[in-house]
PDB file of N, CA and C in Angstrom:
ATOM      1  N   MET A   1     112.328  48.105 204.395  1.00  0.00           N
ATOM      2  CA  MET A   1     112.865  47.889 205.434  1.00  0.00           C
ATOM      3  C   MET A   1     114.374  47.443 205.150  1.00  0.00           C
ATOM      4  N   LEU A   2     115.504  47.877 206.030  1.00  0.00           N
ATOM      5  CA  LEU A   2     116.723  47.312 205.594  1.00  0.00           C
ATOM      6  C   LEU A   2     116.994  45.743 206.425  1.00  0.00           C
ATOM      7  N   LYS A   3     117.498  45.123 205.856  1.00  0.00           N
ATOM      8  CA  LYS A   3     117.858  43.848 206.680  1.00  0.00           C
ATOM      9  C   LYS A   3     119.288  43.844 207.016  1.00  0.00           C
ATOM     10  N   MET A   4     119.096  42.788 208.156  1.00  0.00           N
ATOM     11  CA  MET A   4     121.101  42.785 208.889  1.00  0.00           C
ATOM     12  C   MET A   4     121.770  41.799 207.641  1.00  0.00           C
ATOM     13  N   ILE A   5     121.162  41.239 206.874  1.00  0.00           N
ATOM     14  CA  ILE A   5     121.881  40.256 206.074  1.00  0.00           C
ATOM     15  C   ILE A   5     122.518  41.513 204.372  1.00  0.00           C
ATOM     16  N   ASP A   6     121.511  42.639 204.411  1.00  0.00           N
ATOM     17  CA  ASP A   6     121.932  43.793 203.903  1.00  0.00           C
ATOM     18  C   ASP A   6     123.058  44.447 204.182  1.00  0.00           C
ATOM     19  N   VAL A   7     123.273  44.549 205.382  1.00  0.00           N
ATOM     20  CA  VAL A   7     124.084  45.662 205.879  1.00  0.00           C
ATOM     21  C   VAL A   7     125.644  44.867 206.228  1.00  0.00           C
ATOM     22  N   LEU A   8     125.433  43.703 206.547  1.00  0.00           N
ATOM     23  CA  LEU A   8     126.683  43.123 206.880  1.00  0.00           C
ATOM     24  C   LEU A   8     127.339  42.374 205.622  1.00  0.00           C
ATOM     25  N   ASP A   9     128.818  42.360 205.827  1.00  0.00           N
ATOM     26  CA  ASP A   9     129.646  41.677 204.738  1.00  0.00           C
ATOM     27  C   ASP A   9     128.910  40.352 204.420  1.00  0.00           C
ATOM     28  N   GLN A  10     128.588  39.760 203.211  1.00  0.00           N
ATOM     29  CA  GLN A  10     128.222  38.828 202.571  1.00  0.00           C
ATOM     30  C   GLN A  10     129.057  37.775 203.020  1.00  0.00           C
ATOM     31  N   ARG A  11     130.273  37.379 202.931  1.00  0.00           N
ATOM     32  CA  ARG A  11     131.183  36.253 203.254  1.00  0.00           C
ATOM     33  C   ARG A  11     130.462  36.046 205.069  1.00  0.00           C
ATOM     34  N   LEU A  12     130.504  37.109 205.777  1.00  0.00           N
ATOM     35  CA  LEU A  12     129.719  36.983 207.106  1.00  0.00           C
ATOM     36  C   LEU A  12     128.448  35.872 207.088  1.00  0.00           C
ATOM     37  N   VAL A  13     127.862  36.463 206.363  1.00  0.00           N
ATOM     38  CA  VAL A  13     126.353  35.913 206.316  1.00  0.00           C
ATOM     39  C   VAL A  13     126.437  34.819 205.781  1.00  0.00           C
ATOM     40  N   GLN A  14     127.109  34.411 205.010  1.00  0.00           N
ATOM     41  CA  GLN A  14     127.043  33.230 204.328  1.00  0.00           C
ATOM     42  C   GLN A  14     127.962  31.888 205.458  1.00  0.00           C
ATOM     43  N   ASN A  15     129.009  32.567 206.091  1.00  0.00           N
ATOM     44  CA  ASN A  15     129.562  31.635 206.961  1.00  0.00           C
ATOM     45  C   ASN A  15     128.488  31.382 208.794  1.00  0.00           C
ATOM     46  N   PHE A  16     127.614  32.275 208.750  1.00  0.00           N
ATOM     47  CA  PHE A  16     126.772  32.804 209.884  1.00  0.00           C
ATOM     48  C   PHE A  16     126.018  31.200 210.022  1.00  0.00           C
ATOM     49  N   THR A  17     125.668  30.379 209.020  1.00  0.00           N
ATOM     50  CA  THR A  17     124.830  28.905 209.534  1.00  0.00           C
ATOM     51  C   THR A  17     126.028  28.367 209.561  1.00  0.00           C
ATOM     52  N   GLN A  18     127.145  27.989 209.392  1.00  0.00           N
ATOM     53  CA  GLN A  18     127.940  27.070 209.674  1.00  0.00           C
ATOM     54  C   GLN A  18     128.170  27.359 210.845  1.00  0.00           C
ATOM     55  N   ALA A  19     128.422  28.568 211.379  1.00  0.00           N
ATOM     56  CA  ALA A  19     129.036  29.020 212.744  1.00  0.00           C
ATOM     57  C   ALA A  19     127.837  28.463 213.732  1.00  0.00           C
ATOM     58  N   LEU A  20     126.270  28.724 213.363  1.00  0.00           N
ATOM     59  CA  LEU A  20     125.615  28.072 214.270  1.00  0.00           C
ATOM     60  C   LEU A  20     125.782  26.759 214.646  1.00  0.00           C
ATOM     61  N   GLN A  21     126.062  25.847 213.579  1.00  0.00           N
ATOM     62  CA  GLN A  21     126.212  24.346 213.843  1.00  0.00           C
ATOM     63  C   GLN A  21     127.551  24.825 214.255  1.00  0.00           C
ATOM     64  N   SER A  22     128.610  24.797 214.277  1.00  0.00           N
ATOM     65  CA  SER A  22     129.759  24.740 215.529  1.00  0.00           C
ATOM     66  C   SER A  22     130.485  26.004 215.602  1.00  0.00           C
ATOM     67  N   PRO A  23     130.060  26.516 216.458  1.00  0.00           N
ATOM     68  CA  PRO A  23     130.580  27.772 216.998  1.00  0.00           C
ATOM     69  C   PRO A  23     132.132  27.964 217.529  1.00  0.00           C
ATOM     70  N   THR A  24     132.797  28.928 216.522  1.00  0.00           N
ATOM     71  CA  THR A  24     134.234  29.608 216.716  1.00  0.00           C
ATOM     72  C   THR A  24     134.103  30.873 217.554  1.00  0.00           C
ATOM     73  N   PRO A  25     135.749  30.958 218.069  1.00  0.00           N
ATOM     74  CA  PRO A  25     135.384  32.592 218.619  1.00  0.00           C
ATOM     75  C   PRO A  25     135.719  33.030 217.807  1.00  0.00           C
ATOM     76  N   GLN A  26     136.423  32.410 216.415  1.00  0.00           N
ATOM     77  CA  GLN A  26     137.062  33.638 215.364  1.00  0.00           C
ATOM     78  C   GLN A  26     135.660  33.911 214.812  1.00  0.00           C
ATOM     79  N   PHE A  27     134.428  33.437 214.822  1.00  0.00           N
ATOM     80  CA  PHE A  27     133.224  33.955 214.127  1.00  0.00           C
ATOM     81  C   PHE A  27     132.546  35.029 214.969  1.00  0.00           C
ATOM     82  N   GLU A  28     132.869  34.807 216.323  1.00  0.00           N
ATOM     83  CA  GLU A  28     132.290  36.315 217.157  1.00  0.00           C
ATOM     84  C   GLU A  28     133.361  36.990 216.974  1.00  0.00           C
ATOM     85  N   GLU A  29     134.398  37.306 216.585  1.00  0.00           N
ATOM     86  CA  GLU A  29     135.406  37.984 216.071  1.00  0.00           C
ATOM     87  C   GLU A  29     135.149  38.780 215.212  1.00  0.00           C
ATOM     88  N   GLN A  30     135.050  37.875 213.863  1.00  0.00           N
ATOM     89  CA  GLN A  30     134.460  38.581 212.832  1.00  0.00           C
ATOM     90  C   GLN A  30     132.803  39.093 212.718  1.00  0.00           C
ATOM     91  N   LEU A  31     132.240  38.460 213.547  1.00  0.00           N
ATOM     92  CA  LEU A  31     130.675  39.189 213.553  1.00  0.00           C
ATOM     93  C   LEU A  31     131.351  40.806 214.176  1.00  0.00           C
ATOM     94  N   GLY A  32     132.072  40.893 215.532  1.00  0.00           N
ATOM     95  CA  GLY A  32     132.250  42.319 215.934  1.00  0.00           C
ATOM     96  C   GLY A  32     132.815  43.044 214.722  1.00  0.00           C
ATOM     97  N   GLN A  33     133.709  42.754 214.209  1.00  0.00           N
ATOM     98  CA  GLN A  33     134.458  43.295 213.399  1.00  0.00           C
ATOM     99  C   GLN A  33     133.765  43.485 211.830  1.00  0.00           C
ATOM    100  N   GLY A  34     132.701  42.718 211.858  1.00  0.00           N
ATOM    101  CA  GLY A  34     131.707  43.024 210.891  1.00  0.00           C
ATOM    102  C   GLY A  34     130.294  44.282 210.963  1.00  0.00           C
ATOM    103  N   ILE A  35     130.649  44.555 212.758  1.00  0.00           N
ATOM    104  CA  ILE A  35     129.370  45.436 212.913  1.00  0.00           C
ATOM    105  C   ILE A  35     130.170  46.479 212.992  1.00  0.00           C
ATOM    106  N   LEU A  36     131.458  46.258 213.128  1.00  0.00           N
ATOM    107  CA  LEU A  36     132.087  47.918 213.188  1.00  0.00           C
ATOM    108  C   LEU A  36     132.443  48.257 211.760  1.00  0.00           C
ATOM    109  N   ASN A  37     132.876  47.659 210.687  1.00  0.00           N
ATOM    110  CA  ASN A  37     132.733  47.955 209.348  1.00  0.00           C
ATOM    111  C   ASN A  37     131.461  48.339 208.654  1.00  0.00           C
ATOM    112  N   ALA A  38     130.676  47.982 209.555  1.00  0.00           N
ATOM    113  CA  ALA A  38     129.132  48.135 208.786  1.00  0.00           C
ATOM    114  C   ALA A  38     128.808  49.546 208.602  1.00  0.00           C
ATOM    115  N   SER A  39     127.889  50.123 207.564  1.00  0.00           N
ATOM    116  CA  SER A  39     127.788  51.689 207.686  1.00  0.00           C
ATOM    117  C   SER A  39     126.575  51.633 208.769  1.00  0.00           C
ATOM    118  N   ASP A  40     127.296  53.113 209.169  1.00  0.00           N
ATOM    119  CA  ASP A  40     126.740  53.295 210.509  1.00  0.00           C
ATOM    120  C   ASP A  40     124.979  53.741 209.973  1.00  0.00           C
ATOM    121  N   LEU A  41     124.362  54.213 209.258  1.00  0.00           N
ATOM    122  CA  LEU A  41     123.226  54.878 208.649  1.00  0.00           C
ATOM    123  C   LEU A  41     122.870  52.734 208.442  1.00  0.00           C
ATOM    124  N   GLU A  42     122.933  52.042 207.515  1.00  0.00           N
ATOM    125  CA  GLU A  42     122.382  51.209 207.583  1.00  0.00           C
ATOM    126  C   GLU A  42     122.022  50.232 208.461  1.00  0.00           C
ATOM    127  N   LEU A  43     123.030  50.305 209.416  1.00  0.00           N
ATOM    128  CA  LEU A  43     122.905  49.592 210.731  1.00  0.00           C
ATOM    129  C   LEU A  43     122.136  50.463 211.626  1.00  0.00           C
ATOM    130  N   ASN A  44     121.761  51.569 211.596  1.00  0.00           N
ATOM    131  CA  ASN A  44     120.759  52.091 212.674  1.00  0.00           C
ATOM    132  C   ASN A  44     119.651  52.068 211.758  1.00  0.00           C
ATOM    133  N   HIS A  45     119.368  51.616 210.219  1.00  0.00           N
ATOM    134  CA  HIS A  45     118.036  51.453 210.084  1.00  0.00           C
ATOM    135  C   HIS A  45     117.628  49.867 210.543  1.00  0.00           C
ATOM    136  N   ALA A  46     118.617  48.909 210.114  1.00  0.00           N
ATOM    137  CA  ALA A  46     118.117  47.576 210.314  1.00  0.00           C
ATOM    138  C   ALA A  46     118.046  47.588 211.894  1.00  0.00           C
ATOM    139  N   VAL A  47     118.705  48.195 212.988  1.00  0.00           N
ATOM    140  CA  VAL A  47     118.193  48.040 214.187  1.00  0.00           C
ATOM    141  C   VAL A  47     116.728  48.475 214.288  1.00  0.00           C
ATOM    142  N   THR A  48     116.947  49.540 213.858  1.00  0.00           N
ATOM    143  CA  THR A  48     115.309  50.251 214.001  1.00  0.00           C
ATOM    144  C   THR A  48     114.294  49.376 213.391  1.00  0.00           C
ATOM    145  N   ALA A  49     114.635  48.911 212.494  1.00  0.00           N
ATOM    146  CA  ALA A  49     113.738  47.662 211.905  1.00  0.00           C
ATOM    147  C   ALA A  49     113.146  46.560 212.757  1.00  0.00           C
ATOM    148  N   PHE A  50     114.566  46.390 213.584  1.00  0.00           N
ATOM    149  CA  PHE A  50     114.232  44.845 214.094  1.00  0.00           C
ATOM    150  C   PHE A  50     113.376  45.281 215.627  1.00  0.00           C
ATOM    151  N   PHE A  51     113.616  46.982 215.897  1.00  0.00           N
ATOM    152  CA  PHE A  51     112.680  46.873 217.053  1.00  0.00           C
ATOM    153  C   PHE A  51     111.070  47.373 216.896  1.00  0.00           C
ATOM    154  N   ASN A  52     110.946  47.559 215.337  1.00  0.00           N
ATOM    155  CA  ASN A  52     109.602  48.178 215.009  1.00  0.00           C
ATOM    156  C   ASN A  52     108.824  46.529 214.672  1.00  0.00           C
ATOM    157  N   GLU A  53     109.494  45.355 215.100  1.00  0.00           N
ATOM    158  CA  GLU A  53     108.576  44.284 214.554  1.00  0.00           C
ATOM    159  C   GLU A  53     108.101  44.130 216.187  1.00  0.00           C
ATOM    160  N   VAL A  54     107.036  43.000 215.903  1.00  0.00           N
ATOM    161  CA  VAL A  54     105.806  43.473 217.099  1.00  0.00           C
ATOM    162  C   VAL A  54     106.347  42.782 218.423  1.00  0.00           C
ATOM    163  N   ASN A  55     107.423  41.449 218.559  1.00  0.00           N
ATOM    164  CA  ASN A  55     108.009  41.051 219.663  1.00  0.00           C
ATOM    165  C   ASN A  55     109.408  41.457 219.935  1.00  0.00           C
ATOM    166  N   ALA A  56     109.918  42.656 219.699  1.00  0.00           N
ATOM    167  CA  ALA A  56     110.980  42.902 219.547  1.00  0.00           C
ATOM    168  C   ALA A  56     111.689  43.339 220.714  1.00  0.00           C
ATOM    169  N   ILE A  57     110.698  43.923 221.597  1.00  0.00           N
ATOM    170  CA  ILE A  57     111.496  44.165 223.398  1.00  0.00           C
ATOM    171  C   ILE A  57     111.614  43.216 224.003  1.00  0.00           C
ATOM    172  N   GLU A  58     110.244  42.104 223.916  1.00  0.00           N
ATOM    173  CA  GLU A  58     110.235  40.556 224.383  1.00  0.00           C
ATOM    174  C   GLU A  58     111.522  39.970 223.908  1.00  0.00           C
ATOM    175  N   ALA A  59     111.761  39.815 222.578  1.00  0.00           N
ATOM    176  CA  ALA A  59     112.803  39.188 222.213  1.00  0.00           C
ATOM    177  C   ALA A  59     114.184  39.652 222.680  1.00  0.00           C
ATOM    178  N   ALA A  60     114.341  40.683 223.006  1.00  0.00           N
ATOM    179  CA  ALA A  60     115.866  41.821 223.182  1.00  0.00           C
ATOM    180  C   ALA A  60     115.905  41.275 224.848  1.00  0.00           C
ATOM    181  N   GLN A  61     114.999  41.347 225.824  1.00  0.00           N
ATOM    182  CA  GLN A  61     114.765  40.892 226.762  1.00  0.00           C
ATOM    183  C   GLN A  61     115.405  39.445 227.128  1.00  0.00           C
ATOM    184  N   ALA A  62     114.786  38.783 226.090  1.00  0.00           N
ATOM    185  CA  ALA A  62     115.184  37.396 226.330  1.00  0.00           C
ATOM    186  C   ALA A  62     116.695  36.957 225.666  1.00  0.00           C
ATOM    187  N   LEU A  63     117.163  38.192 225.055  1.00  0.00           N
ATOM    188  CA  LEU A  63     118.552  38.288 224.895  1.00  0.00           C
ATOM    189  C   LEU A  63     119.365  38.618 226.314  1.00  0.00           C
ATOM    190  N   ASP A  64     118.757  38.840 227.342  1.00  0.00           N
ATOM    191  CA  ASP A  64     119.272  39.168 228.372  1.00  0.00           C
ATOM    192  C   ASP A  64     120.060  40.802 228.330  1.00  0.00           C
ATOM    193  N   ILE A  65     119.390  41.631 226.982  1.00  0.00           N
ATOM    194  CA  ILE A  65     119.590  43.051 227.139  1.00  0.00           C
ATOM    195  C   ILE A  65     119.058  43.926 228.426  1.00  0.00           C
ATOM    196  N   SER A  66     119.616  44.506 228.796  1.00  0.00           N
ATOM    197  CA  SER A  66     118.973  45.473 230.026  1.00  0.00           C
ATOM    198  C   SER A  66     118.009  46.832 229.479  1.00  0.00           C
ATOM    199  N   ALA A  67     116.862  46.835 230.087  1.00  0.00           N
ATOM    200  CA  ALA A  67     115.627  47.438 229.691  1.00  0.00           C
ATOM    201  C   ALA A  67     116.756  49.183 229.123  1.00  0.00           C
ATOM    202  N   ASP A  68     117.172  49.451 229.707  1.00  0.00           N
ATOM    203  CA  ASP A  68     117.756  50.978 229.941  1.00  0.00           C
ATOM    204  C   ASP A  68     119.132  50.629 228.529  1.00  0.00           C
ATOM    205  N   ARG A  69     119.521  49.554 228.576  1.00  0.00           N
ATOM    206  CA  ARG A  69     120.378  49.448 226.887  1.00  0.00           C
ATOM    207  C   ARG A  69     119.401  49.266 225.900  1.00  0.00           C
ATOM    208  N   ILE A  70     118.187  48.671 226.146  1.00  0.00           N
ATOM    209  CA  ILE A  70     117.259  48.689 225.032  1.00  0.00           C
ATOM    210  C   ILE A  70     116.961  49.906 224.369  1.00  0.00           C
ATOM    211  N   GLN A  71     116.408  50.804 225.921  1.00  0.00           N
ATOM    212  CA  GLN A  71     116.288  51.508 225.375  1.00  0.00           C
ATOM    213  C   GLN A  71     117.106  52.943 224.630  1.00  0.00           C
ATOM    214  N   ALA A  72     118.138  52.696 225.065  1.00  0.00           N
ATOM    215  CA  ALA A  72     119.312  53.626 224.381  1.00  0.00           C
ATOM    216  C   ALA A  72     119.698  52.981 222.826  1.00  0.00           C
ATOM    217  N   LEU A  73     119.677  51.498 223.004  1.00  0.00           N
ATOM    218  CA  LEU A  73     119.544  51.226 221.679  1.00  0.00           C
ATOM    219  C   LEU A  73     118.564  51.705 220.546  1.00  0.00           C
ATOM    220  N   GLN A  74     117.271  51.739 221.150  1.00  0.00           N
ATOM    221  CA  GLN A  74     115.916  52.474 220.259  1.00  0.00           C
ATOM    222  C   GLN A  74     116.345  53.614 219.850  1.00  0.00           C
ATOM    223  N   LEU A  75     117.005  54.416 220.689  1.00  0.00           N
ATOM    224  CA  LEU A  75     117.331  55.743 220.641  1.00  0.00           C
ATOM    225  C   LEU A  75     118.462  56.073 219.678  1.00  0.00           C
ATOM    226  N   GLY A  76     118.777  55.111 219.493  1.00  0.00           N
ATOM    227  CA  GLY A  76     120.068  55.710 218.341  1.00  0.00           C
ATOM    228  C   GLY A  76     121.469  55.933 218.930  1.00  0.00           C
ATOM    229  N   ALA A  77     121.639  55.272 220.316  1.00  0.00           N
ATOM    230  CA  ALA A  77     123.162  54.643 220.524  1.00  0.00           C
ATOM    231  C   ALA A  77     123.952  54.469 219.869  1.00  0.00           C
ATOM    232  N   SER A  78     125.709  54.958 220.366  1.00  0.00           N
ATOM    233  CA  SER A  78     126.206  54.848 218.958  1.00  0.00           C
ATOM    234  C   SER A  78     126.536  53.173 219.289  1.00  0.00           C
ATOM    235  N   PHE A  79     126.101  52.363 218.170  1.00  0.00           N
ATOM    236  CA  PHE A  79     125.892  51.014 218.107  1.00  0.00           C
ATOM    237  C   PHE A  79     127.294  50.444 218.408  1.00  0.00           C
ATOM    238  N   LYS A  80     128.229  51.335 217.930  1.00  0.00           N
ATOM    239  CA  LYS A  80     129.758  50.629 217.443  1.00  0.00           C
ATOM    240  C   LYS A  80     130.390  51.240 218.780  1.00  0.00           C
ATOM    241  N   ASP A  81     129.977  51.784 220.055  1.00  0.00           N
ATOM    242  CA  ASP A  81     130.505  51.783 221.251  1.00  0.00           C
ATOM    243  C   ASP A  81     130.883  50.197 222.163  1.00  0.00           C
ATOM    244  N   GLU A  82     132.039  50.475 222.465  1.00  0.00           N
ATOM    245  CA  GLU A  82     131.880  49.033 223.364  1.00  0.00           C
ATOM    246  C   GLU A  82     131.054  48.415 224.169  1.00  0.00           C
ATOM    247  N   GLN A  83     130.315  49.640 224.985  1.00  0.00           N
ATOM    248  CA  GLN A  83     129.399  48.994 225.829  1.00  0.00           C
ATOM    249  C   GLN A  83     128.305  48.987 225.151  1.00  0.00           C
ATOM    250  N   TYR A  84     127.913  48.768 223.971  1.00  0.00           N
ATOM    251  CA  TYR A  84     126.663  48.394 223.017  1.00  0.00           C
ATOM    252  C   TYR A  84     126.865  46.932 222.500  1.00  0.00           C
ATOM    253  N   LEU A  85     128.135  47.221 222.244  1.00  0.00           N
ATOM    254  CA  LEU A  85     128.948  46.223 221.140  1.00  0.00           C
ATOM    255  C   LEU A  85     128.199  44.269 221.073  1.00  0.00           C
ATOM    256  N   ALA A  86     128.212  44.255 222.645  1.00  0.00           N
ATOM    257  CA  ALA A  86     127.763  42.936 223.046  1.00  0.00           C
ATOM    258  C   ALA A  86     126.223  42.778 222.882  1.00  0.00           C
ATOM    259  N   ASP A  87     125.689  44.070 222.888  1.00  0.00           N
ATOM    260  CA  ASP A  87     124.196  43.453 223.143  1.00  0.00           C
ATOM    261  C   ASP A  87     124.173  43.510 221.480  1.00  0.00           C
ATOM    262  N   LEU A  88     124.174  44.563 220.652  1.00  0.00           N
ATOM    263  CA  LEU A  88     124.178  44.214 219.643  1.00  0.00           C
ATOM    264  C   LEU A  88     124.404  43.317 218.667  1.00  0.00           C
ATOM    265  N   LYS A  89     125.513  42.463 219.230  1.00  0.00           N
ATOM    266  CA  LYS A  89     125.964  41.321 218.439  1.00  0.00           C
ATOM    267  C   LYS A  89     124.610  40.437 219.159  1.00  0.00           C
ATOM    268  N   LYS A  90     124.278  40.625 219.605  1.00  0.00           N
ATOM    269  CA  LYS A  90     123.170  39.212 220.011  1.00  0.00           C
ATOM    270  C   LYS A  90     121.632  39.861 219.279  1.00  0.00           C
ATOM    271  N   ILE A  91     121.669  41.168 219.237  1.00  0.00           N
ATOM    272  CA  ILE A  91     120.375  41.446 218.175  1.00  0.00           C
ATOM    273  C   ILE A  91     120.970  41.090 216.480  1.00  0.00           C
ATOM    274  N   VAL A  92     122.009  41.193 216.277  1.00  0.00           N
ATOM    275  CA  VAL A  92     122.594  40.845 214.913  1.00  0.00           C
ATOM    276  C   VAL A  92     122.215  39.465 214.528  1.00  0.00           C
ATOM    277  N   THR A  93     122.846  38.716 215.760  1.00  0.00           N
ATOM    278  CA  THR A  93     122.735  37.189 215.613  1.00  0.00           C
ATOM    279  C   THR A  93     121.322  36.838 215.252  1.00  0.00           C
ATOM    280  N   LEU A  94     120.738  37.184 216.022  1.00  0.00           N
ATOM    281  CA  LEU A  94     118.860  37.000 216.404  1.00  0.00           C
ATOM    282  C   LEU A  94     118.497  36.983 214.759  1.00  0.00           C
ATOM    283  N   CYS A  95     118.850  38.361 214.067  1.00  0.00           N
ATOM    284  CA  CYS A  95     118.382  39.075 213.089  1.00  0.00           C
ATOM    285  C   CYS A  95     118.944  37.628 211.598  1.00  0.00           C
ATOM    286  N   LEU A  96     119.992  37.706 212.029  1.00  0.00           N
ATOM    287  CA  LEU A  96     120.643  36.810 211.126  1.00  0.00           C
ATOM    288  C   LEU A  96     120.104  35.544 211.293  1.00  0.00           C
ATOM    289  N   ALA A  97     119.702  34.913 212.446  1.00  0.00           N
ATOM    290  CA  ALA A  97     119.234  33.769 212.480  1.00  0.00           C
ATOM    291  C   ALA A  97     117.779  33.470 211.752  1.00  0.00           C
ATOM    292  N   LEU A  98     117.106  34.876 211.822  1.00  0.00           N
ATOM    293  CA  LEU A  98     115.750  34.766 211.366  1.00  0.00           C
ATOM    294  C   LEU A  98     115.603  35.032 209.578  1.00  0.00           C
ATOM    295  N   GLU A  99     116.636  35.820 209.311  1.00  0.00           N
ATOM    296  CA  GLU A  99     116.454  36.259 207.977  1.00  0.00           C
ATOM    297  C   GLU A  99     116.899  35.013 207.259  1.00  0.00           C
ATOM    298  N   THR A 100     117.903  34.213 207.494  1.00  0.00           N
ATOM    299  CA  THR A 100     118.796  33.473 206.935  1.00  0.00           C
ATOM    300  C   THR A 100     117.669  32.033 207.616  1.00  0.00           C
ATOM    301  N   ASP A 101     117.110  31.873 207.743  1.00  0.00           N
ATOM    302  CA  ASP A 101     115.942  30.591 208.316  1.00  0.00           C
ATOM    303  C   ASP A 101     116.984  29.838 208.697  1.00  0.00           C
ATOM    304  N   ALA A 102     118.029  30.006 209.504  1.00  0.00           N
ATOM    305  CA  ALA A 102     119.090  29.203 210.296  1.00  0.00           C
ATOM    306  C   ALA A 102     118.173  28.880 211.186  1.00  0.00           C
ATOM    307  N   LEU A 103     117.431  29.269 211.801  1.00  0.00           N
ATOM    308  CA  LEU A 103     116.478  28.242 213.138  1.00  0.00           C
ATOM    309  C   LEU A 103     115.858  26.980 212.816  1.00  0.00           C
ATOM    310  N   GLU A 104     115.543  26.990 211.436  1.00  0.00           N
ATOM    311  CA  GLU A 104     114.981  25.868 210.815  1.00  0.00           C
ATOM    312  C   GLU A 104     115.741  24.782 210.707  1.00  0.00           C
ATOM    313  N   GLN A 105     116.990  25.193 210.658  1.00  0.00           N
ATOM    314  CA  GLN A 105     118.115  23.826 210.557  1.00  0.00           C
ATOM    315  C   GLN A 105     118.487  23.534 211.960  1.00  0.00           C
ATOM    316  N   VAL A 106     118.191  24.130 212.993  1.00  0.00           N
ATOM    317  CA  VAL A 106     118.850  23.503 214.350  1.00  0.00           C
ATOM    318  C   VAL A 106     117.769  22.434 214.982  1.00  0.00           C
ATOM    319  N   GLU A 107     118.641  21.680 215.535  1.00  0.00           N
ATOM    320  CA  GLU A 107     117.928  20.572 215.892  1.00  0.00           C
ATOM    321  C   GLU A 107     117.545  20.895 217.524  1.00  0.00           C
ATOM    322  N   VAL A 108     116.143  20.645 217.723  1.00  0.00           N
ATOM    323  CA  VAL A 108     115.838  21.091 218.865  1.00  0.00           C
ATOM    324  C   VAL A 108     115.386  19.836 220.016  1.00  0.00           C
ATOM    325  N   PHE A 109     116.058  19.353 221.033  1.00  0.00           N
ATOM    326  CA  PHE A 109     115.575  18.154 221.605  1.00  0.00           C
ATOM    327  C   PHE A 109     114.351  17.797 221.897  1.00  0.00           C
ATOM    328  N   ASP A 110     114.173  16.645 221.998  1.00  0.00           N
ATOM    329  CA  ASP A 110     112.241  16.611 222.481  1.00  0.00           C
ATOM    330  C   ASP A 110     112.240  16.735 223.668  1.00  0.00           C
ATOM    331  N   SER A 111     112.916  17.259 224.711  1.00  0.00           N
ATOM    332  CA  SER A 111     112.793  17.476 226.119  1.00  0.00           C
ATOM    333  C   SER A 111     112.701  19.138 226.067  1.00  0.00           C
ATOM    334  N   LEU A 112     112.818  19.489 225.101  1.00  0.00           N
ATOM    335  CA  LEU A 112     112.703  21.111 224.807  1.00  0.00           C
ATOM    336  C   LEU A 112     111.423  21.683 223.863  1.00  0.00           C
ATOM    337  N   GLN A 113     110.556  20.541 223.452  1.00  0.00           N
ATOM    338  CA  GLN A 113     109.415  20.957 222.711  1.00  0.00           C
ATOM    339  C   GLN A 113     108.576  21.831 222.849  1.00  0.00           C
ATOM    340  N   ASP A 114     108.230  21.814 224.510  1.00  0.00           N
ATOM    341  CA  ASP A 114     107.203  22.441 225.120  1.00  0.00           C
ATOM    342  C   ASP A 114     107.625  23.738 225.405  1.00  0.00           C
ATOM    343  N   TYR A 115     108.833  24.352 225.207  1.00  0.00           N
ATOM    344  CA  TYR A 115     109.261  25.725 225.705  1.00  0.00           C
ATOM    345  C   TYR A 115     108.860  26.756 224.472  1.00  0.00           C
ATOM    346  N   PRO A 116     108.743  27.762 224.910  1.00  0.00           N
ATOM    347  CA  PRO A 116     108.226  28.583 223.656  1.00  0.00           C
ATOM    348  C   PRO A 116     109.668  28.967 223.010  1.00  0.00           C
ATOM    349  N   MET A 117     109.709  29.158 221.409  1.00  0.00           N
ATOM    350  CA  MET A 117     110.854  29.490 220.979  1.00  0.00           C
ATOM    351  C   MET A 117     110.304  30.324 220.041  1.00  0.00           C
TER     352      MET A 117
END
């Protein structure tokens, strides 16, 4: 199973955790460029692996990706097409967060402890 960290440029993956701590517009641009530079085949495999996970549809919906776009991404829509790039960035970001254990480093306020994550 191919992971997002295997598909994207290693510098981008290394900068990811830092970007979570202090987001910058440059990182979002780098992420988009990293997706565009990634191998189509490898990116397709990584997205397919994401959607094969147990709660992937629910996760995609929680990322505000519409049902029709989820279906198009599952069917292998051109990921690098402008209309899907924003949705793909959300999925890539979630995958990177999970694969790098970055969510363990995110501080959750006590008031949010009762919300499912």
